Amino acid sequence: MLQLWRILCLLVAGSLLTSLSRAGPSFENTAVVRTIELGGSVVHVSTTYAIKALEDGQTTYHIALAKDEKEKTSWMEAKVKGQAKPLAMTVLDEDDTAASSLIAVTLPKQLSAHGTLNLVFESVQTHATRPYPERAAQTDPQLLKYETGLFVLSPYDTLVQRTKVKSLSPDVVSYSTPQGVDEFVRDGTFVSKHQRTISIHYNFDYPVLEVKNLERSVEVSHWGANLNVEDKIHLHNAGPELKGHFSRLEYQSQNFFGRLSPHTLSRLILHLPPGVTNVYYYDMNGNVSTSNLRAAPSVPKNSKASQDSILEIRPRYPLLGGWNYSFTLGFDTPLQDSVGWDAANGRYIVAVPVTTHISGSVVDDATVNIILPEGASNIEFTSPFPALSSSVSTHITYLDTIGRAAVALTYKGLTGKHTGMIYVSYSVPFFAHLRKPIAVGAVFFGLFMLGFTAKRVDLRLHKK
């Protein structure tokens, strides 16, 4: 079996020679263990490489991803096993005809010949599963199908490889097993050795959620000492489409006994920052009152004793597979919880969360607009991960004179791993703080003078 495994490695490496030739035979994989945790919209993959250097002075290790796997991967990170600090990674340029892509990982130290190290490569795949069957009745279970190649690509020789696939539910309907492969299934876990491809048909007990579009608008107000956040969310249930008609009686019966179908979404639980006030939630038909907020008290910045506010949202109607729901969510937070003052450079620094994550979902397209106070200049911003595009424009609203600077960033494929803060630093001159009250005062003074003058102007043609 070991000899057959080495032959398979050479065959695959030869077929992918175009993209893998940039990594020389400077390492050997003594063992590769990959664990796939099945989900709905997102699938977590963790691969451990037990590497051995074949030459002195090795500082870079290359990881290969198949083309289709790279397209589905929205987040990835490499670490030394047992350490928390991530390693620097660089995705090497590739042409469109390449069957795979290479990722260069910088090792924490040089490895001499026969030196060993265990690397852990974690990734999150989005849209990697599909409902199977594609249509289901209101009372049917939700079955998903996941397909992948079990052969972990590598530009280096691999001696032993193992792949383990885990499902949250022990109800695995079927799985593919090529001949001549040692395998076993127990407690919903599929473990396979030396297998090239795999297809798993399994039961998933939670709605498969996708946020097709997210528009986040954040407004910083110094005069109001307030940070306003507003999200416009287009939610899609990517589970099996409803077969037949929707029965309100059946839904009420399931809801009463607490046995809703897994492809039916009846509520959302969102984690908001502590100290939120003025929370509002409405859709295209108007205000939606079926929500419940458990607000947590405000805490100082950088405090480790942070407790989130919990918002429970019940949509206007249950969201079944294939259905959409668009709504707007907004709230205010105290400005002192998000903005700091850099006295050394005379600049304000505001921290804005990228998204309010919906558990188990993926955000296909996201736009974050951060509207700064009027008169803000010398703007600099930092994103926790690369954005597709970024720009600075002018946003004009009521009581503005020259408009406000607005920072816009766009993202794709956001998951629970993409939580983080966008830091924006800016300076506001002293006169800029006075511009608004001066402008408002000038308008009122102008109206007063206009009324004062009009009162004393006599437009009559004939005086009595």
Protein backbone atom coordinates (compact mmCIF):
# COMPACT_ATOMS: atom_id res chain seq x y z
CA MET A 1 0.00 0.00 0.00
CA LEU A 2 2.87 2.38 0.82
CA GLN A 3 4.44 1.82 -2.59
CA LEU A 4 1.11 2.43 -4.32
CA TRP A 5 0.71 5.66 -2.31
CA ARG A 6 4.09 6.99 -3.50
CA ILE A 7 3.21 6.16 -7.11
CA LEU A 8 -0.06 8.11 -6.77
CA CYS A 9 1.84 11.10 -5.34
CA LEU A 10 4.22 11.11 -8.33
CA LEU A 11 1.36 10.84 -10.84
CA VAL A 12 -0.58 13.76 -9.39
CA ALA A 13 2.52 15.89 -8.91
CA GLY A 14 3.46 15.26 -12.54
CA SER A 15 0.03 16.31 -13.80
CA LEU A 16 0.30 19.56 -11.81
CA LEU A 17 3.90 20.28 -12.78
CA THR A 18 3.06 23.73 -14.16
CA SER A 19 2.18 25.19 -10.78
CA LEU A 20 4.15 22.98 -8.45
CA SER A 21 7.53 23.26 -10.16
CA ARG A 22 8.38 26.44 -8.25
CA ALA A 23 8.78 24.46 -5.02
CA GLY A 24 11.85 22.26 -5.16
CA PRO A 25 12.25 18.88 -3.42
CA SER A 26 13.58 20.53 -0.26
CA PHE A 27 11.05 18.90 2.08
CA GLU A 28 9.37 15.58 2.66
CA ASN A 29 5.95 15.07 4.25
CA THR A 30 6.32 12.23 6.71
CA ALA A 31 2.58 12.43 7.43
CA VAL A 32 -0.41 14.56 6.35
CA VAL A 33 -3.62 14.50 8.39
CA ARG A 34 -6.65 16.46 7.21
CA THR A 35 -9.88 16.95 9.19
CA ILE A 36 -13.01 18.25 7.43
CA GLU A 37 -15.87 19.51 9.62
CA LEU A 38 -19.05 19.55 7.58
CA GLY A 39 -21.54 22.38 7.94
CA GLY A 40 -24.09 24.27 5.92
CA SER A 41 -22.83 27.38 4.14
CA VAL A 42 -19.31 26.97 5.55
CA VAL A 43 -17.01 23.96 5.90
CA HIS A 44 -13.94 24.05 8.16
CA VAL A 45 -10.80 22.22 7.03
CA SER A 46 -7.70 21.66 9.16
CA THR A 47 -4.61 19.98 7.69
CA THR A 48 -1.54 19.04 9.72
CA TYR A 49 1.75 18.58 7.83
CA ALA A 50 4.56 16.69 9.57
CA ILE A 51 7.45 18.01 7.48
CA LYS A 52 11.13 17.06 7.34
CA ALA A 53 13.78 19.23 5.68
CA LEU A 54 16.02 17.48 3.17
CA GLU A 55 18.47 20.38 2.82
CA ASP A 56 20.04 22.94 5.16
CA GLY A 57 18.72 26.49 5.58
CA GLN A 58 15.07 25.94 4.68
CA THR A 59 12.85 28.90 5.62
CA THR A 60 9.82 28.56 3.29
CA TYR A 61 7.35 25.72 2.95
CA HIS A 62 4.85 25.54 0.09
CA ILE A 63 1.25 24.37 0.42
CA ALA A 64 -0.72 23.41 -2.69
CA LEU A 65 -4.46 23.86 -3.20
CA ALA A 66 -6.42 22.51 -6.13
CA LYS A 67 -8.03 25.15 -8.32
CA ASP A 68 -11.61 24.38 -7.29
CA GLU A 69 -10.61 24.19 -3.62
CA LYS A 70 -8.85 27.56 -3.86
CA GLU A 71 -11.97 29.15 -5.37
CA LYS A 72 -14.11 27.91 -2.46
CA THR A 73 -11.62 28.97 0.24
CA SER A 74 -12.46 32.36 1.78
CA TRP A 75 -10.12 32.26 4.80
CA MET A 76 -6.87 30.46 5.57
CA GLU A 77 -4.20 30.53 8.24
CA ALA A 78 -1.01 28.60 8.99
CA LYS A 79 0.51 27.99 12.43
CA VAL A 80 3.09 25.85 14.11
CA LYS A 81 1.24 23.11 15.97
CA GLY A 82 0.75 24.13 19.59
CA GLN A 83 1.37 27.84 18.98
CA ALA A 84 -1.19 30.63 18.61
CA LYS A 85 0.78 33.09 16.47
CA PRO A 86 -0.04 32.73 12.74
CA LEU A 87 2.76 32.50 10.20
CA ALA A 88 3.23 34.85 7.26
CA MET A 89 1.74 33.50 4.03
CA THR A 90 1.99 34.61 0.41
CA VAL A 91 -0.19 33.34 -2.43
CA LEU A 92 2.09 32.93 -5.44
CA ASP A 93 1.01 34.20 -8.83
CA GLU A 94 -0.56 31.62 -11.12
CA ASP A 95 -1.88 31.46 -14.66
CA ASP A 96 -5.42 30.56 -15.60
CA THR A 97 -4.41 27.16 -16.97
CA ALA A 98 -2.80 25.98 -13.73
CA ALA A 99 -4.60 23.11 -12.01
CA SER A 100 -3.50 24.27 -8.56
CA SER A 101 -1.99 27.21 -6.72
CA LEU A 102 0.89 27.46 -4.28
CA ILE A 103 0.97 29.23 -0.93
CA ALA A 104 4.38 30.09 0.51
CA VAL A 105 4.53 29.82 4.32
CA THR A 106 7.44 31.48 6.12
CA LEU A 107 8.78 29.19 8.83
CA PRO A 108 9.56 30.64 12.29
CA LYS A 109 13.16 29.40 12.08
CA GLN A 110 15.54 27.82 9.64
CA LEU A 111 15.43 24.07 9.40
CA SER A 112 18.63 22.16 8.89
CA ALA A 113 18.78 18.85 7.05
CA HIS A 114 16.57 16.23 8.74
CA GLY A 115 14.96 18.94 10.90
CA THR A 116 11.24 18.41 11.56
CA LEU A 117 8.26 20.64 12.21
CA ASN A 118 4.48 20.24 12.45
CA LEU A 119 2.49 22.84 10.52
CA VAL A 120 -1.27 23.30 10.86
CA PHE A 121 -3.07 24.84 7.88
CA GLU A 122 -6.66 25.88 8.59
CA SER A 123 -9.15 27.08 5.99
CA VAL A 124 -12.85 27.85 5.62
CA GLN A 125 -14.71 26.85 2.48
CA THR A 126 -17.93 28.58 1.42
CA HIS A 127 -20.66 27.25 -0.88
CA ALA A 128 -18.98 23.84 -0.74
CA THR A 129 -22.20 21.91 -0.02
CA ARG A 130 -25.48 21.65 -1.89
CA PRO A 131 -28.96 20.41 -0.96
CA TYR A 132 -29.61 16.89 -2.20
CA PRO A 133 -32.41 16.46 -3.10
CA GLU A 134 -32.79 20.04 -4.25
CA ARG A 135 -36.48 20.19 -3.26
CA ALA A 136 -38.11 19.05 -0.01
CA ALA A 137 -41.56 19.16 1.52
CA GLN A 138 -42.23 21.25 4.60
CA THR A 139 -41.90 18.24 6.92
CA ASP A 140 -38.96 16.55 5.16
CA PRO A 141 -35.45 16.47 6.65
CA GLN A 142 -32.67 18.60 5.19
CA LEU A 143 -30.03 16.56 3.38
CA LEU A 144 -26.81 18.05 2.04
CA LYS A 145 -24.07 16.65 -0.14
CA TYR A 146 -20.36 17.41 0.08
CA GLU A 147 -17.84 16.36 -2.54
CA THR A 148 -14.09 16.81 -2.45
CA GLY A 149 -10.85 15.23 -3.47
CA LEU A 150 -9.27 13.44 -0.53
CA PHE A 151 -5.85 13.50 -2.12
CA VAL A 152 -4.04 16.39 -0.41
CA LEU A 153 -1.87 17.97 -3.08
CA SER A 154 1.72 18.78 -2.23
CA PRO A 155 4.86 19.60 -4.24
CA TYR A 156 6.77 17.27 -1.91
CA ASP A 157 6.76 13.50 -1.50
CA THR A 158 4.19 12.30 1.04
CA LEU A 159 4.72 9.04 2.90
CA VAL A 160 1.43 8.70 4.81
CA GLN A 161 -1.85 10.55 4.41
CA ARG A 162 -5.08 10.39 6.36
CA THR A 163 -8.38 12.25 5.95
CA LYS A 164 -11.16 12.43 8.54
CA VAL A 165 -14.59 13.91 7.77
CA LYS A 166 -16.83 14.91 10.69
CA SER A 167 -20.56 15.61 10.63
CA LEU A 168 -22.55 17.37 13.35
CA SER A 169 -25.29 14.79 12.91
CA PRO A 170 -24.70 11.03 13.24
CA ASP A 171 -27.26 10.54 10.46
CA VAL A 172 -25.00 9.98 7.45
CA VAL A 173 -27.19 8.77 4.58
CA SER A 174 -24.43 7.52 2.30
CA TYR A 175 -20.78 7.93 1.43
CA SER A 176 -18.53 6.82 -1.38
CA THR A 177 -15.88 4.18 -0.75
CA PRO A 178 -13.41 3.33 -3.54
CA GLN A 179 -12.30 -0.27 -3.60
CA GLY A 180 -9.20 -1.24 -1.68
CA VAL A 181 -9.61 1.47 0.96
CA ASP A 182 -9.59 0.84 4.72
CA GLU A 183 -12.40 2.82 6.34
CA PHE A 184 -14.91 2.84 9.14
CA VAL A 185 -17.93 4.92 10.19
CA ARG A 186 -18.76 5.55 13.85
CA ASP A 187 -20.71 8.28 15.67
CA GLY A 188 -21.25 10.31 12.52
CA THR A 189 -17.54 10.45 11.71
CA PHE A 190 -16.14 9.17 8.44
CA VAL A 191 -12.47 8.23 8.60
CA SER A 192 -10.60 7.19 5.50
CA LYS A 193 -7.03 6.23 4.75
CA HIS A 194 -5.39 6.49 1.35
CA GLN A 195 -8.56 7.52 -0.47
CA ARG A 196 -8.56 9.78 -3.50
CA THR A 197 -12.13 11.12 -3.70
CA ILE A 198 -15.07 11.21 -1.38
CA SER A 199 -18.77 12.13 -1.50
CA ILE A 200 -20.86 12.32 1.67
CA HIS A 201 -24.64 12.63 1.83
CA TYR A 202 -25.61 13.72 5.34
CA ASN A 203 -28.36 15.26 7.43
CA PHE A 204 -27.96 18.87 8.61
CA ASP A 205 -30.17 20.12 11.42
CA TYR A 206 -29.78 23.89 10.98
CA PRO A 207 -30.83 26.36 8.25
CA VAL A 208 -28.26 26.97 5.51
CA LEU A 209 -27.99 30.77 5.53
CA GLU A 210 -26.36 33.11 3.03
CA VAL A 211 -26.23 36.90 3.17
CA LYS A 212 -26.31 37.84 -0.49
CA ASN A 213 -25.60 41.51 0.15
CA LEU A 214 -24.70 43.53 3.24
CA GLU A 215 -24.48 47.31 3.34
CA ARG A 216 -23.12 48.67 6.63
CA SER A 217 -23.19 52.42 7.29
CA VAL A 218 -21.38 53.77 10.36
CA GLU A 219 -21.72 57.45 11.29
CA VAL A 220 -19.36 59.06 13.80
CA SER A 221 -20.82 62.08 15.59
CA HIS A 222 -18.60 64.12 17.93
CA TRP A 223 -21.34 66.58 18.84
CA GLY A 224 -23.78 63.81 19.71
CA ALA A 225 -21.06 61.63 21.33
CA ASN A 226 -22.63 58.77 19.40
CA LEU A 227 -21.71 56.01 16.96
CA ASN A 228 -24.63 54.94 14.78
CA VAL A 229 -24.51 51.61 12.91
CA GLU A 230 -27.06 50.61 10.28
CA ASP A 231 -27.05 47.32 8.34
CA LYS A 232 -29.10 46.58 5.25
CA ILE A 233 -29.18 42.79 4.95
CA HIS A 234 -30.46 40.60 2.11
CA LEU A 235 -30.78 37.12 3.66
CA HIS A 236 -31.22 33.93 1.64
CA ASN A 237 -32.06 30.41 2.84
CA ALA A 238 -29.90 28.14 0.67
CA GLY A 239 -31.52 24.92 1.87
CA PRO A 240 -33.70 22.69 -0.33
CA GLU A 241 -36.49 24.60 -2.04
CA LEU A 242 -40.01 24.08 -0.77
CA LYS A 243 -41.86 21.32 -2.64
CA GLY A 244 -45.57 21.98 -2.77
CA HIS A 245 -47.35 24.79 -0.95
CA PHE A 246 -46.62 26.32 2.44
CA SER A 247 -48.97 25.23 5.24
CA ARG A 248 -49.39 27.73 8.06
CA LEU A 249 -51.19 25.08 10.12
CA GLU A 250 -48.27 22.66 9.79
CA TYR A 251 -45.81 25.41 10.71
CA GLN A 252 -47.78 26.40 13.81
CA SER A 253 -48.00 22.76 14.87
CA GLN A 254 -44.24 22.24 14.48
CA ASN A 255 -43.51 25.48 16.30
CA PHE A 256 -45.83 24.56 19.20
CA PHE A 257 -44.09 21.22 19.78
CA GLY A 258 -40.62 22.70 19.18
CA ARG A 259 -39.88 20.46 16.18
CA LEU A 260 -39.43 22.86 13.30
CA SER A 261 -38.00 21.49 10.08
CA PRO A 262 -34.25 22.17 9.88
CA HIS A 263 -34.66 24.09 6.61
CA THR A 264 -37.12 26.53 8.26
CA LEU A 265 -35.73 29.71 9.83
CA SER A 266 -38.02 31.21 12.46
CA ARG A 267 -35.60 33.49 14.35
CA LEU A 268 -32.10 34.93 14.41
CA ILE A 269 -29.83 35.51 17.41
CA LEU A 270 -27.41 38.41 16.92
CA HIS A 271 -24.61 39.56 19.21
CA LEU A 272 -24.42 43.37 19.40
CA PRO A 273 -21.86 45.50 21.23
CA PRO A 274 -22.45 46.32 24.92
CA GLY A 275 -24.17 49.60 25.71
CA VAL A 276 -26.41 49.64 22.62
CA THR A 277 -29.41 51.96 22.59
CA ASN A 278 -32.16 52.95 20.17
CA VAL A 279 -32.16 49.56 18.42
CA TYR A 280 -34.51 49.46 15.43
CA TYR A 281 -35.45 46.69 13.02
CA TYR A 282 -37.69 47.03 9.97
CA ASP A 283 -38.21 45.50 6.54
CA MET A 284 -39.73 46.70 3.28
CA ASN A 285 -43.25 46.64 4.79
CA GLY A 286 -42.35 48.74 7.81
CA ASN A 287 -41.41 48.25 11.45
CA VAL A 288 -41.19 44.68 12.78
CA SER A 289 -42.05 44.44 16.47
CA THR A 290 -41.25 40.72 16.92
CA SER A 291 -37.81 41.22 18.47
CA ASN A 292 -36.32 41.02 21.94
CA LEU A 293 -33.20 42.80 23.20
CA ARG A 294 -31.12 41.90 26.25
CA ALA A 295 -28.79 44.88 26.47
CA ALA A 296 -25.48 44.61 28.28
CA PRO A 297 -24.05 47.64 30.09
CA SER A 298 -21.35 49.68 28.45
CA VAL A 299 -17.74 48.81 29.31
CA PRO A 300 -14.53 50.85 28.91
CA LYS A 301 -12.45 50.43 25.76
CA ASN A 302 -10.09 47.44 25.61
CA SER A 303 -11.79 45.90 28.63
CA LYS A 304 -11.54 42.12 28.80
CA ALA A 305 -14.76 41.87 30.82
CA SER A 306 -16.93 42.48 27.78
CA GLN A 307 -20.41 41.00 27.51
CA ASP A 308 -22.39 41.25 24.29
CA SER A 309 -25.94 42.50 23.99
CA ILE A 310 -28.23 39.79 22.63
CA LEU A 311 -30.87 40.64 20.02
CA GLU A 312 -33.45 38.03 19.05
CA ILE A 313 -35.11 38.77 15.70
CA ARG A 314 -38.19 37.01 14.41
CA PRO A 315 -38.78 37.71 10.70
CA ARG A 316 -42.18 38.77 9.48
CA TYR A 317 -42.63 35.28 8.01
CA PRO A 318 -40.76 31.96 8.40
CA LEU A 319 -37.91 31.65 5.94
CA LEU A 320 -37.98 28.32 4.09
CA GLY A 321 -35.48 26.93 1.62
CA GLY A 322 -35.04 29.15 -1.43
CA TRP A 323 -36.82 32.11 0.23
CA ASN A 324 -35.34 35.59 0.74
CA TYR A 325 -35.79 38.22 3.42
CA SER A 326 -34.48 41.80 3.31
CA PHE A 327 -34.38 43.90 6.45
CA THR A 328 -32.61 46.84 8.09
CA LEU A 329 -31.05 46.73 11.53
CA GLY A 330 -29.65 49.77 13.34
CA PHE A 331 -28.41 50.79 16.77
CA ASP A 332 -26.43 53.46 18.63
CA THR A 333 -23.43 53.01 20.92
CA PRO A 334 -21.60 55.54 23.12
CA LEU A 335 -18.78 57.18 21.19
CA GLN A 336 -16.31 56.83 24.05
CA ASP A 337 -16.54 53.03 23.71
CA SER A 338 -15.18 53.17 20.15
CA VAL A 339 -13.08 56.34 19.75
CA GLY A 340 -9.73 57.10 21.34
CA TRP A 341 -7.48 60.17 21.32
CA ASP A 342 -3.83 59.98 20.28
CA ALA A 343 -2.37 62.96 22.12
CA ALA A 344 1.12 62.48 20.66
CA ASN A 345 -0.08 62.94 17.07
CA GLY A 346 -3.26 64.94 17.71
CA ARG A 347 -5.50 62.37 16.00
CA TYR A 348 -8.70 60.49 16.77
CA ILE A 349 -8.82 56.71 16.28
CA VAL A 350 -12.17 54.97 15.81
CA ALA A 351 -12.67 51.18 15.82
CA VAL A 352 -15.56 49.86 13.71
CA PRO A 353 -16.54 46.15 13.54
CA VAL A 354 -16.63 44.78 10.00
CA THR A 355 -19.95 42.94 10.40
CA THR A 356 -22.51 41.71 12.88
CA HIS A 357 -22.07 38.02 12.12
CA ILE A 358 -25.07 35.72 11.69
CA SER A 359 -24.02 32.33 13.05
CA GLY A 360 -23.26 29.74 10.38
CA SER A 361 -23.73 32.15 7.48
CA VAL A 362 -21.51 33.49 4.71
CA VAL A 363 -21.67 37.07 3.40
CA ASP A 364 -21.24 37.03 -0.37
CA ASP A 365 -20.82 40.79 -0.88
CA ALA A 366 -20.29 43.41 1.82
CA THR A 367 -19.79 47.17 1.74
CA VAL A 368 -18.76 49.13 4.83
CA ASN A 369 -19.15 52.93 4.78
CA ILE A 370 -17.63 54.88 7.67
CA ILE A 371 -18.84 58.50 7.74
CA LEU A 372 -16.50 60.74 9.74
CA PRO A 373 -17.31 64.11 11.34
CA GLU A 374 -17.36 67.16 9.10
CA GLY A 375 -13.92 68.64 8.69
CA ALA A 376 -12.00 65.39 9.26
CA SER A 377 -8.70 65.31 7.37
CA ASN A 378 -5.45 63.32 7.16
CA ILE A 379 -7.48 60.12 7.04
CA GLU A 380 -5.76 56.76 7.40
CA PHE A 381 -7.44 53.38 7.81
CA THR A 382 -6.45 49.76 8.42
CA SER A 383 -8.54 46.66 7.67
CA PRO A 384 -8.11 43.41 9.66
CA PHE A 385 -7.85 41.56 6.33
CA PRO A 386 -7.43 42.71 2.71
CA ALA A 387 -10.42 44.46 1.13
CA LEU A 388 -11.36 44.14 -2.53
CA SER A 389 -11.41 47.91 -2.88
CA SER A 390 -11.26 51.01 -0.72
CA SER A 391 -11.95 54.68 -1.34
CA VAL A 392 -12.49 58.02 0.39
CA SER A 393 -15.37 60.20 -0.80
CA THR A 394 -17.59 63.06 0.44
CA HIS A 395 -20.94 62.39 2.08
CA ILE A 396 -23.39 65.30 2.41
CA THR A 397 -26.33 65.25 4.79
CA TYR A 398 -28.43 67.74 6.75
CA LEU A 399 -26.73 70.69 8.51
CA ASP A 400 -23.50 70.08 6.57
CA THR A 401 -21.58 72.86 4.87
CA ILE A 402 -18.71 71.18 2.98
CA GLY A 403 -19.76 67.55 3.55
CA ARG A 404 -18.20 64.74 5.54
CA ALA A 405 -15.39 62.40 4.58
CA ALA A 406 -16.55 58.80 4.11
CA VAL A 407 -14.34 55.70 3.93
CA ALA A 408 -15.79 52.84 1.84
CA LEU A 409 -14.45 49.27 1.84
CA THR A 410 -15.82 46.24 -0.05
CA TYR A 411 -15.40 42.56 0.82
CA LYS A 412 -16.46 39.14 -0.49
CA GLY A 413 -16.94 35.79 1.21
CA LEU A 414 -17.04 36.88 4.86
CA THR A 415 -17.50 34.20 7.53
CA GLY A 416 -17.20 33.95 11.31
CA LYS A 417 -13.40 33.98 10.89
CA HIS A 418 -13.56 37.50 9.44
CA THR A 419 -14.57 39.23 12.65
CA GLY A 420 -12.32 42.16 13.42
CA MET A 421 -12.09 45.92 13.65
CA ILE A 422 -11.49 48.53 10.98
CA TYR A 423 -9.33 51.26 12.51
CA VAL A 424 -9.68 54.76 11.07
CA SER A 425 -7.49 57.63 12.29
CA TYR A 426 -8.18 61.25 11.45
CA SER A 427 -7.63 64.77 12.70
CA VAL A 428 -10.26 67.47 13.20
CA PRO A 429 -9.08 71.11 13.49
CA PHE A 430 -10.57 73.22 16.26
CA PHE A 431 -12.43 75.41 13.78
CA ALA A 432 -14.06 72.32 12.23
CA HIS A 433 -15.74 71.59 15.56
CA LEU A 434 -17.24 75.10 15.49
CA ARG A 435 -18.28 75.00 11.84
CA LYS A 436 -21.67 73.41 12.48
CA PRO A 437 -22.86 75.69 15.34
CA ILE A 438 -21.54 78.72 13.44
CA ALA A 439 -23.41 77.63 10.31
CA VAL A 440 -26.62 76.99 12.27
CA GLY A 441 -26.24 80.29 14.11
CA ALA A 442 -25.62 82.13 10.83
CA VAL A 443 -28.78 80.66 9.31
CA PHE A 444 -30.93 81.67 12.28
CA PHE A 445 -29.32 85.11 12.37
CA GLY A 446 -29.98 85.50 8.65
CA LEU A 447 -33.64 84.54 9.09
CA PHE A 448 -33.94 86.94 12.00
CA MET A 449 -32.43 89.80 9.98
CA LEU A 450 -34.66 88.94 7.03
CA GLY A 451 -37.74 89.10 9.25
CA PHE A 452 -36.44 92.24 10.98
CA THR A 453 -35.91 93.96 7.62
CA ALA A 454 -39.18 92.76 6.12
CA LYS A 455 -41.07 94.14 9.11
CA ARG A 456 -39.74 97.64 8.43
CA VAL A 457 -40.10 97.76 4.67
CA ASP A 458 -43.26 99.50 3.50
CA LEU A 459 -44.35 98.19 0.09
CA ARG A 460 -47.64 100.13 -0.08
CA LEU A 461 -48.12 102.42 -3.08
CA HIS A 462 -50.29 104.92 -1.21
CA LYS A 463 -49.74 105.80 2.38
CA LYS A 464 -52.65 106.85 4.56
